[in-house]
Amino acid sequence: MVRKDRRYSCLELERVKISEEQSGDVLHLRKLNRILSVHAPTAIEGNQLTLGQRTDVINGKPVCWQPGDIKEEKNGSHAYNQMRLHAVVGGRLAAGARTPDR
């Protein structure tokens, strides 16, 4: 068996670095999308949590506010996650569907 020591060029290492940064950006955008997707419908229904408070609730941080609004936010986030998990068609994820980010 011949073993080849692969040496990576600076260009290849830069590509890997960019790819890692982009994947981090994608995860951040997905999480932001999830927060905003829950924020809009609950705000329409009269939930008065700010976007920052909603982010804290979804991330499990304590928030001092009306318990009903906090529970509504948690339920909305849970429902959003369940919809994404059940977006399965024929044993595969539907086009554009992804599992929730944690």
PDB file of N, CA and C in Angstrom:
ATOM      1  N   MET A   1       0.843  -1.180   0.000  1.00  0.00           N
ATOM      2  CA  MET A   1       0.000   0.000   0.000  1.00  0.00           C
ATOM      3  C   MET A   1       0.887   1.242   0.000  1.00  0.00           C
ATOM      4  N   VAL A   2       0.625   2.102  -0.919  1.00  0.00           N
ATOM      5  CA  VAL A   2       1.398   3.317  -1.031  1.00  0.00           C
ATOM      6  C   VAL A   2       0.671   4.428  -0.292  1.00  0.00           C
ATOM      7  N   ARG A   3       1.379   5.052   0.602  1.00  0.00           N
ATOM      8  CA  ARG A   3       0.772   6.133   1.377  1.00  0.00           C
ATOM      9  C   ARG A   3       1.244   7.464   0.817  1.00  0.00           C
ATOM     10  N   LYS A   4       0.272   8.292   0.505  1.00  0.00           N
ATOM     11  CA  LYS A   4       0.611   9.622   0.006  1.00  0.00           C
ATOM     12  C   LYS A   4       0.371  10.635   1.114  1.00  0.00           C
ATOM     13  N   ASP A   5       1.384  11.400   1.396  1.00  0.00           N
ATOM     14  CA  ASP A   5       1.203  12.512   2.326  1.00  0.00           C
ATOM     15  C   ASP A   5       0.672  13.690   1.537  1.00  0.00           C
ATOM     16  N   ARG A   6      -0.505  14.079   1.878  1.00  0.00           N
ATOM     17  CA  ARG A   6      -1.136  15.182   1.145  1.00  0.00           C
ATOM     18  C   ARG A   6      -0.812  16.480   1.850  1.00  0.00           C
ATOM     19  N   ARG A   7      -0.245  17.362   1.134  1.00  0.00           N
ATOM     20  CA  ARG A   7       0.027  18.694   1.665  1.00  0.00           C
ATOM     21  C   ARG A   7      -0.974  19.653   1.029  1.00  0.00           C
ATOM     22  N   TYR A   8      -1.599  20.405   1.864  1.00  0.00           N
ATOM     23  CA  TYR A   8      -2.633  21.314   1.387  1.00  0.00           C
ATOM     24  C   TYR A   8      -2.011  22.659   1.023  1.00  0.00           C
ATOM     25  N   SER A   9      -2.421  23.155  -0.098  1.00  0.00           N
ATOM     26  CA  SER A   9      -1.949  24.467  -0.514  1.00  0.00           C
ATOM     27  C   SER A   9      -2.684  25.534   0.286  1.00  0.00           C
ATOM     28  N   CYS A  10      -2.150  26.715   0.269  1.00  0.00           N
ATOM     29  CA  CYS A  10      -2.812  27.834   0.961  1.00  0.00           C
ATOM     30  C   CYS A  10      -4.197  28.072   0.386  1.00  0.00           C
ATOM     31  N   LEU A  11      -4.342  27.897  -0.908  1.00  0.00           N
ATOM     32  CA  LEU A  11      -5.635  28.106  -1.558  1.00  0.00           C
ATOM     33  C   LEU A  11      -6.667  27.096  -1.058  1.00  0.00           C
ATOM     34  N   GLU A  12      -6.258  25.829  -0.929  1.00  0.00           N
ATOM     35  CA  GLU A  12      -7.182  24.797  -0.448  1.00  0.00           C
ATOM     36  C   GLU A  12      -7.590  25.063   1.000  1.00  0.00           C
ATOM     37  N   LEU A  13      -6.636  25.471   1.820  1.00  0.00           N
ATOM     38  CA  LEU A  13      -6.944  25.770   3.219  1.00  0.00           C
ATOM     39  C   LEU A  13      -7.869  26.979   3.323  1.00  0.00           C
ATOM     40  N   GLU A  14      -7.682  27.965   2.447  1.00  0.00           N
ATOM     41  CA  GLU A  14      -8.555  29.133   2.434  1.00  0.00           C
ATOM     42  C   GLU A  14      -9.974  28.741   2.050  1.00  0.00           C
ATOM     43  N   ARG A  15     -10.114  27.813   1.097  1.00  0.00           N
ATOM     44  CA  ARG A  15     -11.443  27.338   0.697  1.00  0.00           C
ATOM     45  C   ARG A  15     -12.154  26.668   1.860  1.00  0.00           C
ATOM     46  N   VAL A  16     -11.414  25.851   2.612  1.00  0.00           N
ATOM     47  CA  VAL A  16     -12.009  25.178   3.773  1.00  0.00           C
ATOM     48  C   VAL A  16     -12.444  26.213   4.802  1.00  0.00           C
ATOM     49  N   LYS A  17     -11.612  27.215   5.038  1.00  0.00           N
ATOM     50  CA  LYS A  17     -11.935  28.260   6.011  1.00  0.00           C
ATOM     51  C   LYS A  17     -13.192  29.015   5.589  1.00  0.00           C
ATOM     52  N   ILE A  18     -13.284  29.373   4.313  1.00  0.00           N
ATOM     53  CA  ILE A  18     -14.462  30.084   3.811  1.00  0.00           C
ATOM     54  C   ILE A  18     -15.700  29.210   3.939  1.00  0.00           C
ATOM     55  N   SER A  19     -15.563  27.926   3.616  1.00  0.00           N
ATOM     56  CA  SER A  19     -16.691  27.005   3.713  1.00  0.00           C
ATOM     57  C   SER A  19     -17.197  26.913   5.152  1.00  0.00           C
ATOM     58  N   GLU A  20     -16.269  26.840   6.106  1.00  0.00           N
ATOM     59  CA  GLU A  20     -16.657  26.773   7.517  1.00  0.00           C
ATOM     60  C   GLU A  20     -17.359  28.052   7.951  1.00  0.00           C
ATOM     61  N   GLU A  21     -16.859  29.203   7.502  1.00  0.00           N
ATOM     62  CA  GLU A  21     -17.490  30.470   7.854  1.00  0.00           C
ATOM     63  C   GLU A  21     -18.893  30.555   7.265  1.00  0.00           C
ATOM     64  N   GLN A  22     -19.043  30.117   6.027  1.00  0.00           N
ATOM     65  CA  GLN A  22     -20.353  30.170   5.383  1.00  0.00           C
ATOM     66  C   GLN A  22     -21.336  29.239   6.072  1.00  0.00           C
ATOM     67  N   SER A  23     -20.878  28.070   6.516  1.00  0.00           N
ATOM     68  CA  SER A  23     -21.790  27.158   7.201  1.00  0.00           C
ATOM     69  C   SER A  23     -22.243  27.764   8.526  1.00  0.00           C
ATOM     70  N   GLY A  24     -21.351  28.492   9.199  1.00  0.00           N
ATOM     71  CA  GLY A  24     -21.735  29.185  10.423  1.00  0.00           C
ATOM     72  C   GLY A  24     -22.767  30.264  10.139  1.00  0.00           C
ATOM     73  N   ASP A  25     -22.574  30.984   9.025  1.00  0.00           N
ATOM     74  CA  ASP A  25     -23.539  32.012   8.630  1.00  0.00           C
ATOM     75  C   ASP A  25     -24.894  31.388   8.315  1.00  0.00           C
ATOM     76  N   VAL A  26     -24.871  30.240   7.642  1.00  0.00           N
ATOM     77  CA  VAL A  26     -26.121  29.564   7.282  1.00  0.00           C
ATOM     78  C   VAL A  26     -26.871  29.152   8.541  1.00  0.00           C
ATOM     79  N   LEU A  27     -26.155  28.593   9.510  1.00  0.00           N
ATOM     80  CA  LEU A  27     -26.811  28.192  10.764  1.00  0.00           C
ATOM     81  C   LEU A  27     -27.397  29.404  11.484  1.00  0.00           C
ATOM     82  N   HIS A  28     -26.650  30.506  11.472  1.00  0.00           N
ATOM     83  CA  HIS A  28     -27.149  31.728  12.109  1.00  0.00           C
ATOM     84  C   HIS A  28     -28.414  32.220  11.409  1.00  0.00           C
ATOM     85  N   LEU A  29     -28.411  32.195  10.083  1.00  0.00           N
ATOM     86  CA  LEU A  29     -29.582  32.651   9.334  1.00  0.00           C
ATOM     87  C   LEU A  29     -30.779  31.742   9.558  1.00  0.00           C
ATOM     88  N   ARG A  30     -30.537  30.437   9.656  1.00  0.00           N
ATOM     89  CA  ARG A  30     -31.649  29.514   9.925  1.00  0.00           C
ATOM     90  C   ARG A  30     -32.265  29.789  11.292  1.00  0.00           C
ATOM     91  N   LYS A  31     -31.399  30.022  12.277  1.00  0.00           N
ATOM     92  CA  LYS A  31     -31.900  30.289  13.622  1.00  0.00           C
ATOM     93  C   LYS A  31     -32.674  31.607  13.649  1.00  0.00           C
ATOM     94  N   LEU A  32     -32.156  32.618  12.971  1.00  0.00           N
ATOM     95  CA  LEU A  32     -32.850  33.899  12.892  1.00  0.00           C
ATOM     96  C   LEU A  32     -34.198  33.738  12.184  1.00  0.00           C
ATOM     97  N   ASN A  33     -34.220  32.943  11.131  1.00  0.00           N
ATOM     98  CA  ASN A  33     -35.465  32.679  10.412  1.00  0.00           C
ATOM     99  C   ASN A  33     -36.490  32.004  11.320  1.00  0.00           C
ATOM    100  N   ARG A  34     -36.027  31.062  12.129  1.00  0.00           N
ATOM    101  CA  ARG A  34     -36.942  30.379  13.050  1.00  0.00           C
ATOM    102  C   ARG A  34     -37.522  31.364  14.049  1.00  0.00           C
ATOM    103  N   ILE A  35     -36.684  32.245  14.596  1.00  0.00           N
ATOM    104  CA  ILE A  35     -37.152  33.219  15.584  1.00  0.00           C
ATOM    105  C   ILE A  35     -38.163  34.168  14.953  1.00  0.00           C
ATOM    106  N   LEU A  36     -37.853  34.662  13.754  1.00  0.00           N
ATOM    107  CA  LEU A  36     -38.770  35.593  13.091  1.00  0.00           C
ATOM    108  C   LEU A  36     -40.061  34.907  12.651  1.00  0.00           C
ATOM    109  N   SER A  37     -39.967  33.620  12.289  1.00  0.00           N
ATOM    110  CA  SER A  37     -41.164  32.882  11.880  1.00  0.00           C
ATOM    111  C   SER A  37     -42.122  32.678  13.036  1.00  0.00           C
ATOM    112  N   VAL A  38     -41.599  32.609  14.237  1.00  0.00           N
ATOM    113  CA  VAL A  38     -42.450  32.482  15.419  1.00  0.00           C
ATOM    114  C   VAL A  38     -42.894  33.864  15.892  1.00  0.00           C
ATOM    115  N   HIS A  39     -42.030  34.852  15.732  1.00  0.00           N
ATOM    116  CA  HIS A  39     -42.306  36.215  16.201  1.00  0.00           C
ATOM    117  C   HIS A  39     -43.528  36.825  15.521  1.00  0.00           C
ATOM    118  N   ALA A  40     -43.604  36.720  14.214  1.00  0.00           N
ATOM    119  CA  ALA A  40     -44.670  37.401  13.465  1.00  0.00           C
ATOM    120  C   ALA A  40     -46.073  36.944  13.872  1.00  0.00           C
ATOM    121  N   PRO A  41     -46.362  35.643  13.850  1.00  0.00           N
ATOM    122  CA  PRO A  41     -47.737  35.247  14.198  1.00  0.00           C
ATOM    123  C   PRO A  41     -48.112  35.532  15.652  1.00  0.00           C
ATOM    124  N   THR A  42     -47.169  35.365  16.572  1.00  0.00           N
ATOM    125  CA  THR A  42     -47.512  35.623  17.974  1.00  0.00           C
ATOM    126  C   THR A  42     -47.664  37.122  18.224  1.00  0.00           C
ATOM    127  N   ALA A  43     -46.915  37.952  17.500  1.00  0.00           N
ATOM    128  CA  ALA A  43     -47.061  39.404  17.649  1.00  0.00           C
ATOM    129  C   ALA A  43     -48.423  39.858  17.131  1.00  0.00           C
ATOM    130  N   ILE A  44     -48.865  39.251  16.038  1.00  0.00           N
ATOM    131  CA  ILE A  44     -50.182  39.583  15.490  1.00  0.00           C
ATOM    132  C   ILE A  44     -51.279  39.254  16.506  1.00  0.00           C
ATOM    133  N   GLU A  45     -51.080  38.191  17.264  1.00  0.00           N
ATOM    134  CA  GLU A  45     -52.072  37.770  18.248  1.00  0.00           C
ATOM    135  C   GLU A  45     -51.996  38.581  19.540  1.00  0.00           C
ATOM    136  N   GLY A  46     -51.083  39.550  19.600  1.00  0.00           N
ATOM    137  CA  GLY A  46     -51.024  40.423  20.769  1.00  0.00           C
ATOM    138  C   GLY A  46     -49.918  40.109  21.759  1.00  0.00           C
ATOM    139  N   ASN A  47     -49.057  39.167  21.455  1.00  0.00           N
ATOM    140  CA  ASN A  47     -47.931  38.871  22.330  1.00  0.00           C
ATOM    141  C   ASN A  47     -46.979  40.059  22.291  1.00  0.00           C
ATOM    142  N   GLN A  48     -46.637  40.609  23.461  1.00  0.00           N
ATOM    143  CA  GLN A  48     -45.869  41.842  23.520  1.00  0.00           C
ATOM    144  C   GLN A  48     -44.387  41.642  23.812  1.00  0.00           C
ATOM    145  N   LEU A  49     -43.901  40.419  23.727  1.00  0.00           N
ATOM    146  CA  LEU A  49     -42.465  40.192  23.918  1.00  0.00           C
ATOM    147  C   LEU A  49     -41.689  40.886  22.805  1.00  0.00           C
ATOM    148  N   THR A  50     -40.551  41.470  23.164  1.00  0.00           N
ATOM    149  CA  THR A  50     -39.689  42.070  22.149  1.00  0.00           C
ATOM    150  C   THR A  50     -38.943  40.954  21.424  1.00  0.00           C
ATOM    151  N   LEU A  51     -38.321  41.294  20.324  1.00  0.00           N
ATOM    152  CA  LEU A  51     -37.568  40.295  19.571  1.00  0.00           C
ATOM    153  C   LEU A  51     -36.422  39.729  20.419  1.00  0.00           C
ATOM    154  N   GLY A  52     -35.773  40.576  21.201  1.00  0.00           N
ATOM    155  CA  GLY A  52     -34.698  40.114  22.089  1.00  0.00           C
ATOM    156  C   GLY A  52     -35.207  39.154  23.156  1.00  0.00           C
ATOM    157  N   GLN A  53     -36.371  39.469  23.729  1.00  0.00           N
ATOM    158  CA  GLN A  53     -36.961  38.584  24.727  1.00  0.00           C
ATOM    159  C   GLN A  53     -37.358  37.251  24.094  1.00  0.00           C
ATOM    160  N   ARG A  54     -37.874  37.301  22.872  1.00  0.00           N
ATOM    161  CA  ARG A  54     -38.246  36.067  22.170  1.00  0.00           C
ATOM    162  C   ARG A  54     -37.020  35.196  21.941  1.00  0.00           C
ATOM    163  N   THR A  55     -35.928  35.833  21.549  1.00  0.00           N
ATOM    164  CA  THR A  55     -34.683  35.103  21.336  1.00  0.00           C
ATOM    165  C   THR A  55     -34.238  34.438  22.631  1.00  0.00           C
ATOM    166  N   ASP A  56     -34.332  35.156  23.742  1.00  0.00           N
ATOM    167  CA  ASP A  56     -33.957  34.587  25.035  1.00  0.00           C
ATOM    168  C   ASP A  56     -34.857  33.412  25.410  1.00  0.00           C
ATOM    169  N   VAL A  57     -36.152  33.538  25.179  1.00  0.00           N
ATOM    170  CA  VAL A  57     -37.090  32.447  25.491  1.00  0.00           C
ATOM    171  C   VAL A  57     -36.729  31.204  24.681  1.00  0.00           C
ATOM    172  N   ILE A  58     -36.497  31.383  23.379  1.00  0.00           N
ATOM    173  CA  ILE A  58     -36.172  30.247  22.513  1.00  0.00           C
ATOM    174  C   ILE A  58     -34.840  29.622  22.912  1.00  0.00           C
ATOM    175  N   ASN A  59     -33.901  30.442  23.386  1.00  0.00           N
ATOM    176  CA  ASN A  59     -32.597  29.922  23.803  1.00  0.00           C
ATOM    177  C   ASN A  59     -32.605  29.397  25.237  1.00  0.00           C
ATOM    178  N   GLY A  60     -33.765  29.450  25.895  1.00  0.00           N
ATOM    179  CA  GLY A  60     -33.887  28.884  27.240  1.00  0.00           C
ATOM    180  C   GLY A  60     -33.429  29.802  28.351  1.00  0.00           C
ATOM    181  N   LYS A  61     -33.226  31.069  28.066  1.00  0.00           N
ATOM    182  CA  LYS A  61     -32.804  32.014  29.099  1.00  0.00           C
ATOM    183  C   LYS A  61     -34.035  32.540  29.831  1.00  0.00           C
ATOM    184  N   PRO A  62     -33.875  32.902  31.101  1.00  0.00           N
ATOM    185  CA  PRO A  62     -35.028  33.417  31.849  1.00  0.00           C
ATOM    186  C   PRO A  62     -35.434  34.807  31.359  1.00  0.00           C
ATOM    187  N   VAL A  63     -36.727  35.029  31.289  1.00  0.00           N
ATOM    188  CA  VAL A  63     -37.281  36.312  30.855  1.00  0.00           C
ATOM    189  C   VAL A  63     -38.363  36.711  31.845  1.00  0.00           C
ATOM    190  N   CYS A  64     -38.294  37.955  32.330  1.00  0.00           N
ATOM    191  CA  CYS A  64     -39.329  38.467  33.233  1.00  0.00           C
ATOM    192  C   CYS A  64     -40.421  39.118  32.389  1.00  0.00           C
ATOM    193  N   TRP A  65     -41.531  38.435  32.269  1.00  0.00           N
ATOM    194  CA  TRP A  65     -42.652  38.938  31.484  1.00  0.00           C
ATOM    195  C   TRP A  65     -43.877  38.129  31.859  1.00  0.00           C
ATOM    196  N   GLN A  66     -44.978  38.401  31.225  1.00  0.00           N
ATOM    197  CA  GLN A  66     -46.208  37.686  31.522  1.00  0.00           C
ATOM    198  C   GLN A  66     -46.049  36.209  31.151  1.00  0.00           C
ATOM    199  N   PRO A  67     -46.374  35.306  32.090  1.00  0.00           N
ATOM    200  CA  PRO A  67     -46.198  33.878  31.825  1.00  0.00           C
ATOM    201  C   PRO A  67     -46.943  33.384  30.589  1.00  0.00           C
ATOM    202  N   GLY A  68     -48.117  33.961  30.320  1.00  0.00           N
ATOM    203  CA  GLY A  68     -48.890  33.538  29.148  1.00  0.00           C
ATOM    204  C   GLY A  68     -48.159  33.833  27.848  1.00  0.00           C
ATOM    205  N   ASP A  69     -47.510  35.011  27.767  1.00  0.00           N
ATOM    206  CA  ASP A  69     -46.769  35.372  26.562  1.00  0.00           C
ATOM    207  C   ASP A  69     -45.550  34.471  26.383  1.00  0.00           C
ATOM    208  N   ILE A  70     -44.877  34.169  27.485  1.00  0.00           N
ATOM    209  CA  ILE A  70     -43.695  33.301  27.409  1.00  0.00           C
ATOM    210  C   ILE A  70     -44.110  31.899  26.972  1.00  0.00           C
ATOM    211  N   LYS A  71     -45.206  31.391  27.551  1.00  0.00           N
ATOM    212  CA  LYS A  71     -45.677  30.060  27.172  1.00  0.00           C
ATOM    213  C   LYS A  71     -46.082  30.024  25.705  1.00  0.00           C
ATOM    214  N   GLU A  72     -46.742  31.076  25.229  1.00  0.00           N
ATOM    215  CA  GLU A  72     -47.144  31.149  23.830  1.00  0.00           C
ATOM    216  C   GLU A  72     -45.916  31.115  22.914  1.00  0.00           C
ATOM    217  N   GLU A  73     -44.874  31.804  23.313  1.00  0.00           N
ATOM    218  CA  GLU A  73     -43.632  31.817  22.517  1.00  0.00           C
ATOM    219  C   GLU A  73     -42.994  30.433  22.476  1.00  0.00           C
ATOM    220  N   LYS A  74     -42.932  29.768  23.636  1.00  0.00           N
ATOM    221  CA  LYS A  74     -42.366  28.410  23.686  1.00  0.00           C
ATOM    222  C   LYS A  74     -43.200  27.452  22.834  1.00  0.00           C
ATOM    223  N   ASN A  75     -44.510  27.566  22.935  1.00  0.00           N
ATOM    224  CA  ASN A  75     -45.383  26.694  22.144  1.00  0.00           C
ATOM    225  C   ASN A  75     -45.218  26.951  20.652  1.00  0.00           C
ATOM    226  N   GLY A  76     -45.097  28.221  20.268  1.00  0.00           N
ATOM    227  CA  GLY A  76     -44.898  28.554  18.866  1.00  0.00           C
ATOM    228  C   GLY A  76     -43.590  28.004  18.331  1.00  0.00           C
ATOM    229  N   SER A  77     -42.544  28.098  19.135  1.00  0.00           N
ATOM    230  CA  SER A  77     -41.246  27.560  18.732  1.00  0.00           C
ATOM    231  C   SER A  77     -41.303  26.038  18.605  1.00  0.00           C
ATOM    232  N   HIS A  78     -41.984  25.410  19.555  1.00  0.00           N
ATOM    233  CA  HIS A  78     -42.119  23.948  19.517  1.00  0.00           C
ATOM    234  C   HIS A  78     -42.912  23.522  18.278  1.00  0.00           C
ATOM    235  N   ALA A  79     -43.992  24.233  17.990  1.00  0.00           N
ATOM    236  CA  ALA A  79     -44.804  23.905  16.811  1.00  0.00           C
ATOM    237  C   ALA A  79     -43.991  24.071  15.533  1.00  0.00           C
ATOM    238  N   TYR A  80     -43.198  25.125  15.465  1.00  0.00           N
ATOM    239  CA  TYR A  80     -42.350  25.364  14.293  1.00  0.00           C
ATOM    240  C   TYR A  80     -41.370  24.201  14.104  1.00  0.00           C
ATOM    241  N   ASN A  81     -40.751  23.767  15.201  1.00  0.00           N
ATOM    242  CA  ASN A  81     -39.811  22.643  15.124  1.00  0.00           C
ATOM    243  C   ASN A  81     -40.514  21.364  14.683  1.00  0.00           C
ATOM    244  N   GLN A  82     -41.715  21.129  15.188  1.00  0.00           N
ATOM    245  CA  GLN A  82     -42.454  19.924  14.831  1.00  0.00           C
ATOM    246  C   GLN A  82     -42.849  19.933  13.357  1.00  0.00           C
ATOM    247  N   MET A  83     -43.246  21.093  12.846  1.00  0.00           N
ATOM    248  CA  MET A  83     -43.597  21.177  11.425  1.00  0.00           C
ATOM    249  C   MET A  83     -42.394  20.845  10.554  1.00  0.00           C
ATOM    250  N   ARG A  84     -41.231  21.307  10.955  1.00  0.00           N
ATOM    251  CA  ARG A  84     -40.034  21.043  10.161  1.00  0.00           C
ATOM    252  C   ARG A  84     -39.648  19.568  10.244  1.00  0.00           C
ATOM    253  N   LEU A  85     -39.838  18.964  11.401  1.00  0.00           N
ATOM    254  CA  LEU A  85     -39.511  17.540  11.545  1.00  0.00           C
ATOM    255  C   LEU A  85     -40.464  16.659  10.750  1.00  0.00           C
ATOM    256  N   HIS A  86     -41.711  17.089  10.633  1.00  0.00           N
ATOM    257  CA  HIS A  86     -42.724  16.282   9.954  1.00  0.00           C
ATOM    258  C   HIS A  86     -42.914  16.672   8.491  1.00  0.00           C
ATOM    259  N   ALA A  87     -41.972  17.427   7.960  1.00  0.00           N
ATOM    260  CA  ALA A  87     -42.036  17.819   6.548  1.00  0.00           C
ATOM    261  C   ALA A  87     -41.429  16.715   5.691  1.00  0.00           C
ATOM    262  N   VAL A  88     -41.796  15.486   6.009  1.00  0.00           N
ATOM    263  CA  VAL A  88     -41.238  14.338   5.306  1.00  0.00           C
ATOM    264  C   VAL A  88     -42.246  13.855   4.264  1.00  0.00           C
ATOM    265  N   VAL A  89     -41.761  13.643   3.071  1.00  0.00           N
ATOM    266  CA  VAL A  89     -42.602  13.153   1.990  1.00  0.00           C
ATOM    267  C   VAL A  89     -41.926  11.919   1.406  1.00  0.00           C
ATOM    268  N   GLY A  90     -42.577  10.778   1.461  1.00  0.00           N
ATOM    269  CA  GLY A  90     -42.022   9.559   0.894  1.00  0.00           C
ATOM    270  C   GLY A  90     -40.705   9.130   1.530  1.00  0.00           C
ATOM    271  N   GLY A  91     -40.541   9.375   2.832  1.00  0.00           N
ATOM    272  CA  GLY A  91     -39.325   8.962   3.518  1.00  0.00           C
ATOM    273  C   GLY A  91     -38.170   9.929   3.376  1.00  0.00           C
ATOM    274  N   ARG A  92     -38.351  11.009   2.647  1.00  0.00           N
ATOM    275  CA  ARG A  92     -37.304  12.008   2.479  1.00  0.00           C
ATOM    276  C   ARG A  92     -37.844  13.367   2.882  1.00  0.00           C
ATOM    277  N   LEU A  93     -36.920  14.258   3.201  1.00  0.00           N
ATOM    278  CA  LEU A  93     -37.349  15.618   3.507  1.00  0.00           C
ATOM    279  C   LEU A  93     -37.910  16.265   2.251  1.00  0.00           C
ATOM    280  N   ALA A  94     -38.981  16.983   2.427  1.00  0.00           N
ATOM    281  CA  ALA A  94     -39.573  17.704   1.301  1.00  0.00           C
ATOM    282  C   ALA A  94     -38.590  18.749   0.793  1.00  0.00           C
ATOM    283  N   ALA A  95     -38.759  19.170  -0.436  1.00  0.00           N
ATOM    284  CA  ALA A  95     -37.868  20.163  -1.018  1.00  0.00           C
ATOM    285  C   ALA A  95     -37.829  21.408  -0.146  1.00  0.00           C
ATOM    286  N   GLY A  96     -36.642  21.801   0.246  1.00  0.00           N
ATOM    287  CA  GLY A  96     -36.484  23.004   1.054  1.00  0.00           C
ATOM    288  C   GLY A  96     -36.676  22.797   2.543  1.00  0.00           C
ATOM    289  N   ALA A  97     -37.162  21.634   2.964  1.00  0.00           N
ATOM    290  CA  ALA A  97     -37.388  21.382   4.388  1.00  0.00           C
ATOM    291  C   ALA A  97     -36.084  20.976   5.045  1.00  0.00           C
ATOM    292  N   ARG A  98     -35.873  21.425   6.240  1.00  0.00           N
ATOM    293  CA  ARG A  98     -34.671  21.069   7.004  1.00  0.00           C
ATOM    294  C   ARG A  98     -35.096  20.775   8.439  1.00  0.00           C
ATOM    295  N   THR A  99     -34.263  20.005   9.103  1.00  0.00           N
ATOM    296  CA  THR A  99     -34.553  19.726  10.516  1.00  0.00           C
ATOM    297  C   THR A  99     -34.208  20.955  11.332  1.00  0.00           C
ATOM    298  N   PRO A 100     -34.801  21.117  12.511  1.00  0.00           N
ATOM    299  CA  PRO A 100     -34.556  22.312  13.314  1.00  0.00           C
ATOM    300  C   PRO A 100     -33.122  22.382  13.815  1.00  0.00           C
ATOM    301  N   ASP A 101     -32.642  23.580  13.996  1.00  0.00           N
ATOM    302  CA  ASP A 101     -31.309  23.809  14.524  1.00  0.00           C
ATOM    303  C   ASP A 101     -31.419  23.976  16.027  1.00  0.00           C
ATOM    304  N   ARG A 102     -30.459  23.470  16.721  1.00  0.00           N
ATOM    305  CA  ARG A 102     -30.473  23.611  18.177  1.00  0.00           C
ATOM    306  C   ARG A 102     -29.171  24.182  18.644  1.00  0.00           C
TER     307      ARG A 102
END
